[in-house]
C-alpha cells in the first residue's frame, strides 16, 4: 500500500535511509542522521511537496518525495526527486510504484520538471529513471568524495508538461 508520509513514520524512514548512509555511496551523507534532524527534514518537505511511503504488513519498505532543487525563486517549478527502498526489499517493484505515485503528485501540484540526482555508476537507479522517461542531461565528474573514492553524479530530467 502506498500512502502519504507522516512525521510518525520518521523512525522507520530513518532506518532505511541510514543504512544507505553507512553502507553505500548513493547518498553523500557520511554519518548517520539523527532522528530529530530527520524529523525536521520531513516536516519541511511535507509543507510543499508530495511524500509517500510504501507499506506492507505494517512495515515501511520504501519512500519517495520531492524537494526543493535550488533556493532561488526561478527554480520553484523544478523539483528534485528522492526514492529509497529498504535493503532486502528490492525486486518487488517498490521503487517503481513509489515513483509512479510521486510523479503523479508532482504533476498535480503543477511542477514543470523533476530532476533525479544520482551517484554514478548506479545501474538500478539509472534503469528506474529511464523507465519513467527521464533522460540524462548532465554528468558531473569527481564531485563527491566518500569511502576514499571520488564519485560522479548524473542528473536525469523528466519534463512533466
Protein backbone atom coordinates (compact mmCIF):
# COMPACT_ATOMS: atom_id res chain seq x y z
CA UNK A 1 0.00 0.00 0.00
CA UNK A 2 1.20 3.50 -0.80
CA UNK A 3 0.13 6.35 1.42
CA UNK A 4 1.22 9.85 2.33
CA UNK A 5 4.08 10.02 4.79
CA UNK A 6 3.62 11.49 8.25
CA UNK A 7 6.02 12.56 10.97
CA UNK A 8 5.21 9.38 12.87
CA UNK A 9 6.95 7.46 10.06
CA UNK A 10 10.26 9.20 10.78
CA UNK A 11 11.97 6.40 12.71
CA UNK A 12 11.23 3.73 10.08
CA UNK A 13 12.23 6.05 7.23
CA UNK A 14 15.44 6.99 9.00
CA UNK A 15 16.39 3.34 9.46
CA UNK A 16 16.02 2.82 5.71
CA UNK A 17 18.00 5.95 4.90
CA UNK A 18 20.80 5.47 7.42
CA UNK A 19 21.53 2.01 6.00
CA UNK A 20 22.48 3.74 2.74
CA UNK A 21 24.50 6.39 4.58
CA UNK A 22 26.59 3.78 6.36
CA UNK A 23 26.94 1.19 3.59
CA UNK A 24 26.72 2.85 0.18
CA UNK A 25 27.64 5.84 -1.93
CA UNK A 26 24.09 6.51 -3.17
CA UNK A 27 23.89 9.31 -0.63
CA UNK A 28 26.76 11.65 0.09
CA UNK A 29 25.90 11.89 3.78
CA UNK A 30 28.82 10.28 5.60
CA UNK A 31 27.47 9.81 9.12
CA UNK A 32 24.04 8.60 10.21
CA UNK A 33 21.41 11.31 10.57
CA UNK A 34 19.75 11.82 13.96
CA UNK A 35 16.02 11.31 14.39
CA UNK A 36 15.45 14.96 15.36
CA UNK A 37 17.24 16.25 12.25
CA UNK A 38 15.37 13.79 10.04
CA UNK A 39 12.01 14.82 11.53
CA UNK A 40 12.79 18.45 10.72
CA UNK A 41 13.61 17.47 7.15
CA UNK A 42 10.35 15.52 6.80
CA UNK A 43 8.31 18.40 8.23
CA UNK A 44 9.89 20.84 5.78
CA UNK A 45 9.24 18.56 2.80
CA UNK A 46 5.63 17.92 3.81
CA UNK A 47 4.94 21.67 3.73
CA UNK A 48 5.31 21.90 -0.02
CA UNK A 49 5.98 18.60 -1.72
CA UNK A 50 4.47 15.13 -2.08
CA UNK A 51 6.00 12.49 0.22
CA UNK A 52 4.88 8.86 0.04
CA UNK A 53 5.68 5.62 1.84
CA UNK A 54 5.22 2.05 0.70
CA UNK A 55 3.89 -0.16 3.47
CA UNK A 56 3.40 -3.93 3.51
CA UNK A 57 2.15 -5.87 6.55
CA UNK A 58 2.53 -2.73 8.72
CA UNK A 59 6.20 -2.36 7.73
CA UNK A 60 7.51 0.56 5.71
CA UNK A 61 9.60 -0.80 2.85
CA UNK A 62 10.32 2.39 0.94
CA UNK A 63 9.67 6.07 0.50
CA UNK A 64 9.72 8.76 -2.17
CA UNK A 65 9.47 12.52 -2.05
CA UNK A 66 10.06 15.70 -3.96
CA UNK A 67 12.12 18.56 -2.57
CA UNK A 68 13.44 21.97 -3.45
CA UNK A 69 16.07 21.80 -6.19
CA UNK A 70 17.74 25.15 -5.51
CA UNK A 71 16.79 28.08 -3.27
CA UNK A 72 16.30 30.86 -5.85
CA UNK A 73 12.65 31.61 -6.79
CA UNK A 74 13.18 30.95 -10.50
CA UNK A 75 13.61 27.25 -9.62
CA UNK A 76 10.23 26.98 -7.86
CA UNK A 77 8.75 24.78 -10.61
CA UNK A 78 11.66 22.35 -10.65
CA UNK A 79 11.87 19.64 -8.02
CA UNK A 80 14.46 17.05 -7.04
CA UNK A 81 13.17 13.53 -6.55
CA UNK A 82 14.29 11.01 -3.94
CA UNK A 83 13.39 7.32 -3.75
CA UNK A 84 14.71 4.75 -1.26
CA UNK A 85 13.77 1.10 -0.86
CA UNK A 86 14.62 -0.80 2.31
CA UNK A 87 17.67 -3.01 1.95
CA UNK A 88 16.46 -6.56 1.33
CA UNK A 89 13.13 -5.45 -0.16
CA UNK A 90 14.35 -4.93 -3.71
CA UNK A 91 12.86 -6.84 -6.64
CA UNK A 92 9.22 -6.14 -5.71
CA UNK A 93 8.83 -3.05 -7.92
CA UNK A 94 8.51 -0.89 -4.78
CA UNK A 95 10.68 1.85 -6.27
CA UNK A 96 8.61 1.87 -9.46
CA UNK A 97 5.32 2.03 -7.59
CA UNK A 98 6.59 4.87 -5.41
CA UNK A 99 7.99 6.78 -8.38
CA UNK A 100 4.70 6.50 -10.27
CA UNK A 101 2.85 7.92 -7.26
CA UNK A 102 5.42 10.67 -6.77
CA UNK A 103 5.31 11.76 -10.41
CA UNK A 104 1.50 11.88 -10.30
CA UNK A 105 1.67 14.01 -7.13
CA UNK A 106 4.21 16.37 -8.68
CA UNK A 107 2.04 16.80 -11.78
CA UNK A 108 -0.97 17.52 -9.59
CA UNK A 109 0.99 20.26 -7.84
CA UNK A 110 1.92 21.76 -11.25
CA UNK A 111 5.67 21.26 -11.11
CA UNK A 112 7.31 21.61 -14.53
CA UNK A 113 10.41 19.43 -14.24
CA UNK A 114 11.76 16.65 -12.00
CA UNK A 115 15.47 16.02 -11.52
CA UNK A 116 16.97 12.78 -10.30
CA UNK A 117 20.47 13.38 -8.95
CA UNK A 118 22.27 10.02 -8.91
CA UNK A 119 25.65 8.75 -7.89
CA UNK A 120 27.16 7.16 -11.00
CA UNK A 121 27.60 4.27 -11.58
CA UNK A 122 24.26 3.07 -10.24
CA UNK A 123 22.66 0.83 -12.90
CA UNK A 124 19.50 0.06 -10.90
CA UNK A 125 18.69 3.73 -10.30
CA UNK A 126 19.54 4.69 -13.88
CA UNK A 127 17.20 1.94 -15.12
CA UNK A 128 14.42 3.17 -12.79
CA UNK A 129 14.72 6.74 -14.03
CA UNK A 130 14.85 5.72 -17.68
CA UNK A 131 11.75 3.55 -17.16
CA UNK A 132 9.82 6.71 -16.30
CA UNK A 133 11.17 8.69 -19.25
CA UNK A 134 13.97 10.59 -17.54
CA UNK A 135 16.95 11.47 -19.72
CA UNK A 136 20.46 12.14 -18.52
CA UNK A 137 21.19 15.84 -19.00
CA UNK A 138 24.50 16.12 -17.13
CA UNK A 139 27.39 14.12 -15.78
CA UNK A 140 29.44 15.83 -13.10
CA UNK A 141 32.83 14.15 -12.76
CA UNK A 142 34.53 13.62 -9.38
CA UNK A 143 32.20 15.92 -7.42
CA UNK A 144 31.70 13.72 -4.36
CA UNK A 145 34.22 12.01 -2.11
CA UNK A 146 33.11 9.14 0.12
CA UNK A 147 34.80 5.95 1.32
CA UNK A 148 38.12 7.25 -0.05
CA UNK A 149 36.73 7.36 -3.59
CA UNK A 150 35.90 10.22 -5.95
CA UNK A 151 32.35 9.86 -7.26
CA UNK A 152 30.45 11.14 -10.28
CA UNK A 153 26.90 12.46 -10.26
CA UNK A 154 24.43 12.12 -13.10
CA UNK A 155 21.47 14.44 -13.40
CA UNK A 156 18.39 12.95 -15.01
CA UNK A 157 15.44 15.12 -16.03
CA UNK A 158 11.77 14.45 -16.65
CA UNK A 159 9.59 17.25 -18.03
CA UNK A 160 6.11 16.95 -16.59
CA UNK A 161 4.20 19.13 -19.06
